[in-house]
Amino acid sequence: MVAGGIPGDIIAAIDNGDVWISLCRPLDLYMHWYTNILSRRLGGNWWKALIVLAVALCLPTAYRIGLPDSALGFALFALSAIAAALLSVVYEMLIVTVRMDVSWGSGPMYLLQMMAYALSGGYLPLQLWPNFMQGFLAIQPFAGTMDSPLRLYIGTIPPAQALAAITLQIGWICVFVWAGRILLCRKLKNVIVQGG
């Protein structure tokens, strides 16, 4: 659920001026793009996750992934996974708003995506980063997109601490929605329509 590629049709709408057509429609542009990205993310990933999980459960004992220790542990993991999906998409919406008036390409967008992937534990698990960074890594938003759900699944975050991790995810969702909506409103007032 880490922030990945933004759909090409959204970038094309920004680049060729079709964003103004969306503004003429009676819809909330933020929510329209948000649901577009979320549906593509969930539609493309849930069946892949089931296949990977099925294979991981059938591997030899030394390599096999186990199920969570309890039904509560699985429920907390599921709640955290849902929050991770929402968090990654609201961050992608923030990236979309940053991209709105960049007339010289998608460089900043790719930089923001790469930063999110690195700080989520995609390149190196966060527990393997230096000890002096662990406090920062625990509270930064991108841990909630990959690290927290996985640690809840395998039980390294006990159920007693799970609500704090999930609350942190929800808090970052609220921050990104707030920042994304404010930035989108400002950008739409001064957006440079490329090619139009």
N, C-alpha and C. Protein backbone atom coordinates (compact mmCIF):
# COMPACT_ATOMS: atom_id res chain seq x y z
N MET A 1 0.80 -1.21 0.00
CA MET A 1 0.00 0.00 0.00
C MET A 1 0.84 1.27 0.00
N VAL A 2 2.13 1.12 -0.23
CA VAL A 2 2.99 2.30 -0.25
C VAL A 2 2.61 3.16 -1.44
N ALA A 3 2.76 4.48 -1.26
CA ALA A 3 2.42 5.42 -2.33
C ALA A 3 3.16 5.05 -3.60
N GLY A 4 2.43 4.72 -4.62
CA GLY A 4 3.04 4.29 -5.87
C GLY A 4 2.77 5.28 -6.98
N GLY A 5 2.64 4.76 -8.18
CA GLY A 5 2.44 5.63 -9.33
C GLY A 5 1.05 6.25 -9.35
N ILE A 6 1.00 7.50 -9.71
CA ILE A 6 -0.27 8.19 -9.86
C ILE A 6 -0.82 7.86 -11.24
N PRO A 7 -2.11 7.58 -11.35
CA PRO A 7 -2.67 7.19 -12.65
C PRO A 7 -2.34 8.20 -13.74
N GLY A 8 -2.01 7.67 -14.90
CA GLY A 8 -1.61 8.51 -16.02
C GLY A 8 -2.70 9.46 -16.48
N ASP A 9 -3.98 9.06 -16.34
CA ASP A 9 -5.04 9.95 -16.80
C ASP A 9 -5.15 11.21 -15.94
N ILE A 10 -4.80 11.10 -14.66
CA ILE A 10 -4.81 12.30 -13.79
C ILE A 10 -3.67 13.23 -14.19
N ILE A 11 -2.48 12.68 -14.41
CA ILE A 11 -1.35 13.50 -14.84
C ILE A 11 -1.64 14.11 -16.21
N ALA A 12 -2.24 13.32 -17.11
CA ALA A 12 -2.58 13.85 -18.44
C ALA A 12 -3.60 14.98 -18.33
N ALA A 13 -4.57 14.85 -17.42
CA ALA A 13 -5.57 15.90 -17.24
C ALA A 13 -4.92 17.19 -16.77
N ILE A 14 -3.91 17.06 -15.91
CA ILE A 14 -3.19 18.24 -15.44
C ILE A 14 -2.37 18.85 -16.57
N ASP A 15 -1.67 18.00 -17.32
CA ASP A 15 -0.75 18.49 -18.35
C ASP A 15 -1.46 19.08 -19.56
N ASN A 16 -2.57 18.47 -19.99
CA ASN A 16 -3.20 18.96 -21.22
C ASN A 16 -4.38 19.90 -20.98
N GLY A 17 -4.66 20.21 -19.72
CA GLY A 17 -5.72 21.18 -19.43
C GLY A 17 -7.07 20.59 -19.17
N ASP A 18 -7.22 19.27 -19.24
CA ASP A 18 -8.53 18.65 -19.01
C ASP A 18 -9.00 18.78 -17.57
N VAL A 19 -8.12 19.23 -16.68
CA VAL A 19 -8.54 19.44 -15.30
C VAL A 19 -9.67 20.47 -15.23
N TRP A 20 -9.71 21.39 -16.17
CA TRP A 20 -10.78 22.38 -16.17
C TRP A 20 -12.11 21.76 -16.53
N ILE A 21 -12.11 20.70 -17.34
CA ILE A 21 -13.36 19.99 -17.65
C ILE A 21 -13.90 19.36 -16.37
N SER A 22 -13.01 18.78 -15.56
CA SER A 22 -13.44 18.19 -14.29
C SER A 22 -14.01 19.23 -13.35
N LEU A 23 -13.47 20.45 -13.42
CA LEU A 23 -13.96 21.51 -12.54
C LEU A 23 -15.36 21.99 -12.93
N CYS A 24 -15.76 21.75 -14.17
CA CYS A 24 -17.11 22.14 -14.62
C CYS A 24 -18.16 21.14 -14.17
N ARG A 25 -17.74 19.98 -13.74
CA ARG A 25 -18.69 18.95 -13.32
C ARG A 25 -19.09 19.20 -11.87
N PRO A 26 -20.31 18.79 -11.51
CA PRO A 26 -20.77 18.99 -10.12
C PRO A 26 -20.21 17.91 -9.18
N LEU A 27 -18.90 17.93 -8.99
CA LEU A 27 -18.29 16.95 -8.09
C LEU A 27 -17.12 17.60 -7.37
N ASP A 28 -16.75 16.98 -6.30
CA ASP A 28 -15.59 17.41 -5.52
C ASP A 28 -14.35 16.81 -6.17
N LEU A 29 -13.49 17.65 -6.76
CA LEU A 29 -12.35 17.15 -7.51
C LEU A 29 -11.42 16.31 -6.64
N TYR A 30 -11.22 16.75 -5.39
CA TYR A 30 -10.34 16.00 -4.49
C TYR A 30 -10.87 14.58 -4.28
N MET A 31 -12.15 14.48 -3.94
CA MET A 31 -12.74 13.16 -3.69
C MET A 31 -12.83 12.33 -4.97
N HIS A 32 -13.05 12.97 -6.10
CA HIS A 32 -13.10 12.25 -7.37
C HIS A 32 -11.76 11.60 -7.66
N TRP A 33 -10.68 12.36 -7.55
CA TRP A 33 -9.35 11.80 -7.79
C TRP A 33 -8.96 10.80 -6.70
N TYR A 34 -9.36 11.10 -5.46
CA TYR A 34 -9.04 10.20 -4.35
C TYR A 34 -9.66 8.81 -4.58
N THR A 35 -10.94 8.78 -4.91
CA THR A 35 -11.60 7.48 -5.13
C THR A 35 -11.06 6.78 -6.37
N ASN A 36 -10.66 7.57 -7.38
CA ASN A 36 -10.04 7.00 -8.57
C ASN A 36 -8.76 6.25 -8.20
N ILE A 37 -7.88 6.92 -7.46
CA ILE A 37 -6.60 6.31 -7.07
C ILE A 37 -6.84 5.13 -6.13
N LEU A 38 -7.73 5.29 -5.15
CA LEU A 38 -7.99 4.22 -4.18
C LEU A 38 -8.56 2.98 -4.86
N SER A 39 -9.50 3.16 -5.78
CA SER A 39 -10.10 2.00 -6.44
C SER A 39 -9.08 1.27 -7.30
N ARG A 40 -8.21 2.01 -7.97
CA ARG A 40 -7.17 1.35 -8.76
C ARG A 40 -6.19 0.61 -7.86
N ARG A 41 -5.87 1.21 -6.72
CA ARG A 41 -4.92 0.58 -5.80
C ARG A 41 -5.50 -0.71 -5.24
N LEU A 42 -6.73 -0.65 -4.76
CA LEU A 42 -7.34 -1.84 -4.17
C LEU A 42 -7.68 -2.88 -5.23
N GLY A 43 -8.18 -2.42 -6.36
CA GLY A 43 -8.55 -3.36 -7.42
C GLY A 43 -7.36 -4.12 -7.98
N GLY A 44 -6.21 -3.49 -7.98
CA GLY A 44 -5.04 -4.14 -8.53
C GLY A 44 -4.22 -4.93 -7.53
N ASN A 45 -4.49 -4.75 -6.24
CA ASN A 45 -3.61 -5.36 -5.24
C ASN A 45 -4.22 -6.47 -4.40
N TRP A 46 -5.54 -6.48 -4.20
CA TRP A 46 -6.08 -7.44 -3.24
C TRP A 46 -5.89 -8.88 -3.69
N TRP A 47 -6.07 -9.14 -4.98
CA TRP A 47 -5.92 -10.53 -5.45
C TRP A 47 -4.45 -10.94 -5.48
N LYS A 48 -3.54 -9.98 -5.75
CA LYS A 48 -2.11 -10.29 -5.70
C LYS A 48 -1.70 -10.65 -4.27
N ALA A 49 -2.25 -9.91 -3.31
CA ALA A 49 -1.93 -10.16 -1.90
C ALA A 49 -2.41 -11.55 -1.48
N LEU A 50 -3.59 -11.95 -1.94
CA LEU A 50 -4.10 -13.27 -1.60
C LEU A 50 -3.22 -14.38 -2.17
N ILE A 51 -2.74 -14.19 -3.38
CA ILE A 51 -1.87 -15.20 -4.00
C ILE A 51 -0.55 -15.30 -3.25
N VAL A 52 0.05 -14.15 -2.93
CA VAL A 52 1.33 -14.15 -2.20
C VAL A 52 1.15 -14.78 -0.83
N LEU A 53 0.04 -14.45 -0.14
CA LEU A 53 -0.21 -15.02 1.18
C LEU A 53 -0.42 -16.53 1.09
N ALA A 54 -1.16 -16.99 0.09
CA ALA A 54 -1.40 -18.44 -0.07
C ALA A 54 -0.09 -19.17 -0.31
N VAL A 55 0.78 -18.62 -1.15
CA VAL A 55 2.08 -19.24 -1.40
C VAL A 55 2.93 -19.22 -0.13
N ALA A 56 2.92 -18.09 0.59
CA ALA A 56 3.73 -17.97 1.81
C ALA A 56 3.28 -18.94 2.90
N LEU A 57 1.99 -19.28 2.92
CA LEU A 57 1.49 -20.23 3.91
C LEU A 57 1.83 -21.67 3.54
N CYS A 58 2.18 -21.92 2.28
CA CYS A 58 2.48 -23.28 1.82
C CYS A 58 3.98 -23.58 1.73
N LEU A 59 4.81 -22.61 2.04
CA LEU A 59 6.26 -22.84 1.96
C LEU A 59 6.72 -23.79 3.05
N PRO A 60 7.94 -24.35 2.92
CA PRO A 60 8.48 -25.18 4.00
C PRO A 60 8.52 -24.40 5.32
N THR A 61 8.52 -25.12 6.42
CA THR A 61 8.38 -24.52 7.75
C THR A 61 9.37 -23.39 8.00
N ALA A 62 10.60 -23.54 7.58
CA ALA A 62 11.61 -22.52 7.85
C ALA A 62 11.30 -21.19 7.16
N TYR A 63 10.54 -21.21 6.07
CA TYR A 63 10.25 -20.01 5.30
C TYR A 63 8.79 -19.59 5.36
N ARG A 64 7.98 -20.40 5.97
CA ARG A 64 6.53 -20.18 5.99
C ARG A 64 6.17 -18.99 6.87
N ILE A 65 5.19 -18.22 6.40
CA ILE A 65 4.65 -17.15 7.22
C ILE A 65 3.48 -17.73 7.99
N GLY A 66 3.41 -17.41 9.25
CA GLY A 66 2.32 -17.90 10.07
C GLY A 66 1.16 -16.93 10.10
N LEU A 67 0.06 -17.37 10.64
CA LEU A 67 -1.08 -16.49 10.85
C LEU A 67 -0.87 -15.72 12.15
N PRO A 68 -1.53 -14.58 12.33
CA PRO A 68 -1.41 -13.86 13.60
C PRO A 68 -1.80 -14.77 14.77
N ASP A 69 -1.25 -14.46 15.95
CA ASP A 69 -1.44 -15.30 17.13
C ASP A 69 -2.89 -15.41 17.58
N SER A 70 -3.69 -14.39 17.30
CA SER A 70 -5.07 -14.40 17.80
C SER A 70 -5.99 -13.70 16.80
N ALA A 71 -7.29 -13.88 17.02
CA ALA A 71 -8.27 -13.19 16.19
C ALA A 71 -8.17 -11.68 16.40
N LEU A 72 -7.87 -11.26 17.63
CA LEU A 72 -7.70 -9.83 17.91
C LEU A 72 -6.50 -9.29 17.12
N GLY A 73 -5.40 -10.06 17.10
CA GLY A 73 -4.23 -9.64 16.34
C GLY A 73 -4.54 -9.48 14.87
N PHE A 74 -5.33 -10.41 14.31
CA PHE A 74 -5.69 -10.31 12.89
C PHE A 74 -6.62 -9.11 12.66
N ALA A 75 -7.56 -8.88 13.56
CA ALA A 75 -8.48 -7.74 13.42
C ALA A 75 -7.72 -6.42 13.46
N LEU A 76 -6.73 -6.32 14.36
CA LEU A 76 -5.93 -5.10 14.44
C LEU A 76 -5.09 -4.92 13.18
N PHE A 77 -4.54 -6.03 12.67
CA PHE A 77 -3.80 -5.96 11.41
C PHE A 77 -4.71 -5.48 10.28
N ALA A 78 -5.92 -6.04 10.19
CA ALA A 78 -6.84 -5.66 9.12
C ALA A 78 -7.21 -4.18 9.21
N LEU A 79 -7.44 -3.70 10.42
CA LEU A 79 -7.75 -2.29 10.62
C LEU A 79 -6.57 -1.42 10.20
N SER A 80 -5.36 -1.83 10.56
CA SER A 80 -4.17 -1.09 10.19
C SER A 80 -3.93 -1.13 8.68
N ALA A 81 -4.23 -2.26 8.04
CA ALA A 81 -4.07 -2.37 6.59
C ALA A 81 -5.03 -1.43 5.85
N ILE A 82 -6.25 -1.32 6.36
CA ILE A 82 -7.22 -0.39 5.77
C ILE A 82 -6.72 1.05 5.93
N ALA A 83 -6.24 1.37 7.13
CA ALA A 83 -5.69 2.71 7.38
C ALA A 83 -4.47 2.96 6.49
N ALA A 84 -3.65 1.93 6.24
CA ALA A 84 -2.48 2.07 5.38
C ALA A 84 -2.89 2.42 3.96
N ALA A 85 -3.94 1.76 3.47
CA ALA A 85 -4.42 2.06 2.11
C ALA A 85 -4.90 3.51 2.02
N LEU A 86 -5.68 3.94 3.01
CA LEU A 86 -6.19 5.32 3.00
C LEU A 86 -5.04 6.32 3.12
N LEU A 87 -4.07 6.02 3.98
CA LEU A 87 -2.92 6.91 4.19
C LEU A 87 -2.09 7.05 2.93
N SER A 88 -1.82 5.96 2.25
CA SER A 88 -0.99 6.05 1.05
C SER A 88 -1.70 6.85 -0.04
N VAL A 89 -3.02 6.72 -0.13
CA VAL A 89 -3.74 7.45 -1.18
C VAL A 89 -3.85 8.93 -0.85
N VAL A 90 -4.04 9.30 0.42
CA VAL A 90 -4.10 10.74 0.72
C VAL A 90 -2.73 11.38 0.50
N TYR A 91 -1.65 10.61 0.72
CA TYR A 91 -0.33 11.15 0.41
C TYR A 91 -0.16 11.31 -1.11
N GLU A 92 -0.67 10.36 -1.88
CA GLU A 92 -0.61 10.50 -3.34
C GLU A 92 -1.41 11.71 -3.79
N MET A 93 -2.53 11.99 -3.13
CA MET A 93 -3.29 13.19 -3.47
C MET A 93 -2.48 14.46 -3.18
N LEU A 94 -1.70 14.43 -2.12
CA LEU A 94 -0.82 15.56 -1.83
C LEU A 94 0.22 15.72 -2.95
N ILE A 95 0.74 14.59 -3.43
CA ILE A 95 1.70 14.64 -4.54
C ILE A 95 1.04 15.19 -5.80
N VAL A 96 -0.21 14.80 -6.06
CA VAL A 96 -0.94 15.32 -7.22
C VAL A 96 -1.07 16.83 -7.13
N THR A 97 -1.38 17.34 -5.95
CA THR A 97 -1.53 18.79 -5.81
C THR A 97 -0.20 19.51 -5.99
N VAL A 98 0.89 18.90 -5.56
CA VAL A 98 2.21 19.48 -5.79
C VAL A 98 2.50 19.52 -7.29
N ARG A 99 2.10 18.48 -8.00
CA ARG A 99 2.36 18.36 -9.43
C ARG A 99 1.52 19.31 -10.27
N MET A 100 0.45 19.87 -9.70
CA MET A 100 -0.50 20.64 -10.49
C MET A 100 0.10 21.83 -11.22
N ASP A 101 1.01 22.56 -10.60
CA ASP A 101 1.54 23.72 -11.31
C ASP A 101 3.03 23.60 -11.62
N VAL A 102 3.51 22.36 -11.66
CA VAL A 102 4.90 22.14 -12.06
C VAL A 102 4.90 21.98 -13.57
N SER A 103 5.43 22.99 -14.25
CA SER A 103 5.37 22.99 -15.71
C SER A 103 6.60 22.35 -16.35
N TRP A 104 7.56 21.95 -15.53
CA TRP A 104 8.81 21.43 -16.09
C TRP A 104 9.00 19.94 -15.86
N GLY A 105 7.92 19.22 -15.57
CA GLY A 105 8.03 17.77 -15.51
C GLY A 105 7.61 17.16 -14.20
N SER A 106 7.82 15.86 -14.09
CA SER A 106 7.34 15.08 -12.94
C SER A 106 8.43 14.77 -11.93
N GLY A 107 9.57 15.44 -12.01
CA GLY A 107 10.68 15.16 -11.09
C GLY A 107 10.30 15.24 -9.63
N PRO A 108 9.66 16.35 -9.18
CA PRO A 108 9.28 16.44 -7.76
C PRO A 108 8.34 15.32 -7.33
N MET A 109 7.45 14.91 -8.22
CA MET A 109 6.50 13.84 -7.92
C MET A 109 7.24 12.53 -7.65
N TYR A 110 8.21 12.20 -8.50
CA TYR A 110 8.96 10.97 -8.33
C TYR A 110 9.84 11.02 -7.08
N LEU A 111 10.36 12.19 -6.77
CA LEU A 111 11.18 12.35 -5.57
C LEU A 111 10.35 12.11 -4.31
N LEU A 112 9.13 12.66 -4.28
CA LEU A 112 8.24 12.47 -3.13
C LEU A 112 7.81 11.00 -3.00
N GLN A 113 7.59 10.33 -4.12
CA GLN A 113 7.23 8.91 -4.08
C GLN A 113 8.40 8.06 -3.58
N MET A 114 9.61 8.38 -4.03
CA MET A 114 10.78 7.62 -3.60
C MET A 114 11.03 7.81 -2.11
N MET A 115 10.84 9.04 -1.62
CA MET A 115 11.01 9.31 -0.19
C MET A 115 10.02 8.48 0.63
N ALA A 116 8.77 8.43 0.18
CA ALA A 116 7.75 7.65 0.89
C ALA A 116 8.10 6.17 0.92
N TYR A 117 8.60 5.64 -0.19
CA TYR A 117 8.95 4.23 -0.25
C TYR A 117 10.12 3.91 0.68
N ALA A 118 11.12 4.79 0.71
CA ALA A 118 12.29 4.57 1.58
C ALA A 118 11.89 4.63 3.05
N LEU A 119 11.07 5.61 3.42
CA LEU A 119 10.70 5.79 4.82
C LEU A 119 9.58 4.85 5.28
N SER A 120 9.03 4.08 4.36
CA SER A 120 8.02 3.09 4.75
C SER A 120 8.65 1.74 5.08
N GLY A 121 9.92 1.59 4.75
CA GLY A 121 10.60 0.32 4.95
C GLY A 121 10.67 -0.51 3.68
N GLY A 122 10.40 0.11 2.54
CA GLY A 122 10.40 -0.61 1.28
C GLY A 122 11.78 -1.04 0.82
N TYR A 123 12.77 -0.21 1.04
CA TYR A 123 14.15 -0.55 0.65
C TYR A 123 14.87 -1.32 1.75
N LEU A 124 14.64 -0.90 2.99
CA LEU A 124 15.30 -1.51 4.14
C LEU A 124 14.32 -1.45 5.31
N PRO A 125 14.04 -2.58 5.97
CA PRO A 125 13.11 -2.54 7.11
C PRO A 125 13.53 -1.46 8.12
N LEU A 126 12.56 -0.76 8.64
CA LEU A 126 12.85 0.38 9.51
C LEU A 126 13.61 -0.02 10.76
N GLN A 127 13.44 -1.27 11.23
CA GLN A 127 14.14 -1.71 12.44
C GLN A 127 15.65 -1.87 12.18
N LEU A 128 16.07 -1.91 10.92
CA LEU A 128 17.49 -2.04 10.60
C LEU A 128 18.18 -0.69 10.40
N TRP A 129 17.42 0.39 10.48
CA TRP A 129 18.02 1.72 10.40
C TRP A 129 18.75 2.00 11.71
N PRO A 130 19.63 2.99 11.75
CA PRO A 130 20.39 3.28 12.99
C PRO A 130 19.47 3.56 14.18
N ASN A 131 19.94 3.20 15.36
CA ASN A 131 19.14 3.35 16.59
C ASN A 131 18.71 4.78 16.84
N PHE A 132 19.59 5.75 16.54
CA PHE A 132 19.25 7.14 16.84
C PHE A 132 18.09 7.65 15.98
N MET A 133 17.73 6.93 14.91
CA MET A 133 16.63 7.34 14.05
C MET A 133 15.32 6.65 14.39
N GLN A 134 15.33 5.68 15.28
CA GLN A 134 14.13 4.87 15.52
C GLN A 134 12.96 5.68 16.05
N GLY A 135 13.22 6.68 16.90
CA GLY A 135 12.13 7.51 17.41
C GLY A 135 11.43 8.26 16.29
N PHE A 136 12.22 8.86 15.41
CA PHE A 136 11.67 9.57 14.26
C PHE A 136 10.93 8.63 13.33
N LEU A 137 11.52 7.47 13.05
CA LEU A 137 10.91 6.52 12.12
C LEU A 137 9.58 5.99 12.63
N ALA A 138 9.43 5.91 13.94
CA ALA A 138 8.19 5.39 14.51
C ALA A 138 7.02 6.35 14.36
N ILE A 139 7.30 7.67 14.36
CA ILE A 139 6.20 8.64 14.32
C ILE A 139 5.98 9.27 12.95
N GLN A 140 6.91 9.06 12.02
CA GLN A 140 6.73 9.67 10.69
C GLN A 140 5.62 8.92 9.94
N PRO A 141 4.97 9.60 8.99
CA PRO A 141 3.74 9.04 8.40
C PRO A 141 3.93 7.78 7.58
N PHE A 142 5.08 7.59 6.97
CA PHE A 142 5.23 6.51 6.01
C PHE A 142 5.39 5.15 6.66
N ALA A 143 5.72 5.12 7.94
CA ALA A 143 5.75 3.84 8.66
C ALA A 143 4.36 3.21 8.66
N GLY A 144 3.34 4.04 8.63
CA GLY A 144 1.96 3.55 8.64
C GLY A 144 1.50 2.92 7.35
N THR A 145 2.28 3.05 6.27
CA THR A 145 1.85 2.47 5.00
C THR A 145 2.36 1.06 4.80
N MET A 146 3.46 0.68 5.47
CA MET A 146 3.97 -0.67 5.30
C MET A 146 4.44 -1.27 6.62
N ASP A 147 5.26 -0.55 7.35
CA ASP A 147 5.91 -1.10 8.54
C ASP A 147 4.91 -1.47 9.63
N SER A 148 4.04 -0.57 9.98
CA SER A 148 3.09 -0.83 11.08
C SER A 148 2.16 -2.00 10.80
N PRO A 149 1.49 -2.07 9.62
CA PRO A 149 0.63 -3.23 9.37
C PRO A 149 1.39 -4.56 9.40
N LEU A 150 2.59 -4.58 8.81
CA LEU A 150 3.36 -5.83 8.81
C LEU A 150 3.79 -6.23 10.21
N ARG A 151 4.18 -5.26 11.02
CA ARG A 151 4.59 -5.58 12.39
C ARG A 151 3.41 -6.02 13.23
N LEU A 152 2.22 -5.49 12.94
CA LEU A 152 1.02 -5.97 13.64
C LEU A 152 0.70 -7.40 13.22
N TYR A 153 0.91 -7.72 11.95
CA TYR A 153 0.62 -9.06 11.47
C TYR A 153 1.53 -10.10 12.13
N ILE A 154 2.83 -9.79 12.19
CA ILE A 154 3.77 -10.78 12.74
C ILE A 154 3.87 -10.71 14.25
N GLY A 155 3.25 -9.69 14.88
CA GLY A 155 3.18 -9.63 16.33
C GLY A 155 4.29 -8.88 17.02
N THR A 156 5.17 -8.18 16.28
CA THR A 156 6.22 -7.40 16.96
C THR A 156 5.67 -6.12 17.57
N ILE A 157 4.48 -5.69 17.12
CA ILE A 157 3.73 -4.66 17.84
C ILE A 157 2.62 -5.40 18.57
N PRO A 158 2.69 -5.49 19.89
CA PRO A 158 1.66 -6.23 20.63
C PRO A 158 0.31 -5.51 20.59
N PRO A 159 -0.78 -6.25 20.79
CA PRO A 159 -2.11 -5.63 20.75
C PRO A 159 -2.26 -4.43 21.68
N ALA A 160 -1.53 -4.43 22.80
CA ALA A 160 -1.63 -3.30 23.72
C ALA A 160 -1.12 -2.01 23.10
N GLN A 161 -0.18 -2.10 22.17
CA GLN A 161 0.37 -0.91 21.52
C GLN A 161 -0.24 -0.67 20.14
N ALA A 162 -1.11 -1.56 19.70
CA ALA A 162 -1.66 -1.47 18.35
C ALA A 162 -2.54 -0.24 18.17
N LEU A 163 -3.32 0.10 19.19
CA LEU A 163 -4.22 1.25 19.05
C LEU A 163 -3.43 2.54 18.88
N ALA A 164 -2.27 2.63 19.52
CA ALA A 164 -1.43 3.82 19.35
C ALA A 164 -0.93 3.91 17.91
N ALA A 165 -0.52 2.77 17.34
CA ALA A 165 -0.04 2.76 15.95
C ALA A 165 -1.15 3.11 14.98
N ILE A 166 -2.35 2.57 15.21
CA ILE A 166 -3.48 2.84 14.31
C ILE A 166 -3.94 4.29 14.47
N THR A 167 -3.93 4.80 15.69
CA THR A 167 -4.30 6.20 15.92
C THR A 167 -3.34 7.13 15.21
N LEU A 168 -2.06 6.79 15.22
CA LEU A 168 -1.06 7.59 14.50
C LEU A 168 -1.34 7.59 13.00
N GLN A 169 -1.71 6.42 12.46
CA GLN A 169 -2.07 6.36 11.04
C GLN A 169 -3.26 7.28 10.73
N ILE A 170 -4.28 7.21 11.58
CA ILE A 170 -5.48 8.03 11.36
C ILE A 170 -5.14 9.51 11.49
N GLY A 171 -4.27 9.85 12.43
CA GLY A 171 -3.84 11.23 12.59
C GLY A 171 -3.14 11.76 11.34
N TRP A 172 -2.25 10.94 10.76
CA TRP A 172 -1.56 11.36 9.54
C TRP A 172 -2.52 11.43 8.36
N ILE A 173 -3.53 10.58 8.33
CA ILE A 173 -4.55 10.68 7.27
C ILE A 173 -5.22 12.04 7.34
N CYS A 174 -5.61 12.44 8.55
CA CYS A 174 -6.28 13.75 8.73
C CYS A 174 -5.36 14.89 8.31
N VAL A 175 -4.09 14.82 8.69
CA VAL A 175 -3.13 15.88 8.33
C VAL A 175 -2.98 15.98 6.81
N PHE A 176 -2.83 14.84 6.14
CA PHE A 176 -2.65 14.86 4.68
C PHE A 176 -3.91 15.30 3.95
N VAL A 177 -5.09 14.91 4.45
CA VAL A 177 -6.33 15.37 3.81
C VAL A 177 -6.45 16.88 3.96
N TRP A 178 -6.20 17.38 5.15
CA TRP A 178 -6.26 18.82 5.40
C TRP A 178 -5.28 19.58 4.51
N ALA A 179 -4.02 19.14 4.49
CA ALA A 179 -3.00 19.82 3.68
C ALA A 179 -3.31 19.69 2.19
N GLY A 180 -3.76 18.52 1.77
CA GLY A 180 -4.07 18.31 0.35
C GLY A 180 -5.22 19.16 -0.13
N ARG A 181 -6.26 19.28 0.68
CA ARG A 181 -7.42 20.08 0.28
C ARG A 181 -7.06 21.57 0.22
N ILE A 182 -6.32 22.04 1.21
CA ILE A 182 -5.93 23.46 1.21
C ILE A 182 -5.04 23.75 0.02
N LEU A 183 -4.07 22.89 -0.22
CA LEU A 183 -3.15 23.09 -1.34
C LEU A 183 -3.88 23.02 -2.67
N LEU A 184 -4.82 22.08 -2.81
CA LEU A 184 -5.58 21.96 -4.05
C LEU A 184 -6.40 23.22 -4.32
N CYS A 185 -7.05 23.76 -3.29
CA CYS A 185 -7.83 24.99 -3.47
C CYS A 185 -6.94 26.13 -3.93
N ARG A 186 -5.77 26.25 -3.33
CA ARG A 186 -4.85 27.32 -3.73
C ARG A 186 -4.34 27.11 -5.15
N LYS A 187 -4.00 25.88 -5.49
CA LYS A 187 -3.44 25.60 -6.81
C LYS A 187 -4.49 25.81 -7.90
N LEU A 188 -5.75 25.48 -7.62
CA LEU A 188 -6.78 25.64 -8.63
C LEU A 188 -7.05 27.10 -8.95
N LYS A 189 -6.74 28.00 -8.01
CA LYS A 189 -6.91 29.43 -8.28
C LYS A 189 -5.82 29.94 -9.21
N ASN A 190 -4.65 29.31 -9.18
CA ASN A 190 -3.52 29.81 -9.95
C ASN A 190 -2.92 28.75 -10.88
N VAL A 191 -3.67 27.70 -11.18
CA VAL A 191 -3.10 26.60 -11.96
C VAL A 191 -2.72 27.07 -13.36
N ILE A 192 -1.56 26.59 -13.81
CA ILE A 192 -1.10 26.86 -15.17
C ILE A 192 -1.55 25.68 -16.03
N VAL A 193 -2.40 25.94 -16.98
CA VAL A 193 -2.90 24.86 -17.82
C VAL A 193 -1.91 24.63 -18.95
N GLN A 194 -1.27 23.47 -18.95
CA GLN A 194 -0.28 23.15 -19.97
C GLN A 194 -1.00 22.74 -21.25
N GLY A 195 -0.62 23.34 -22.34
CA GLY A 195 -1.18 22.98 -23.63
C GLY A 195 -2.56 23.59 -23.88
N GLY A 196 -3.04 24.45 -22.98
CA GLY A 196 -4.37 25.00 -23.16
C GLY A 196 -4.38 26.50 -23.16
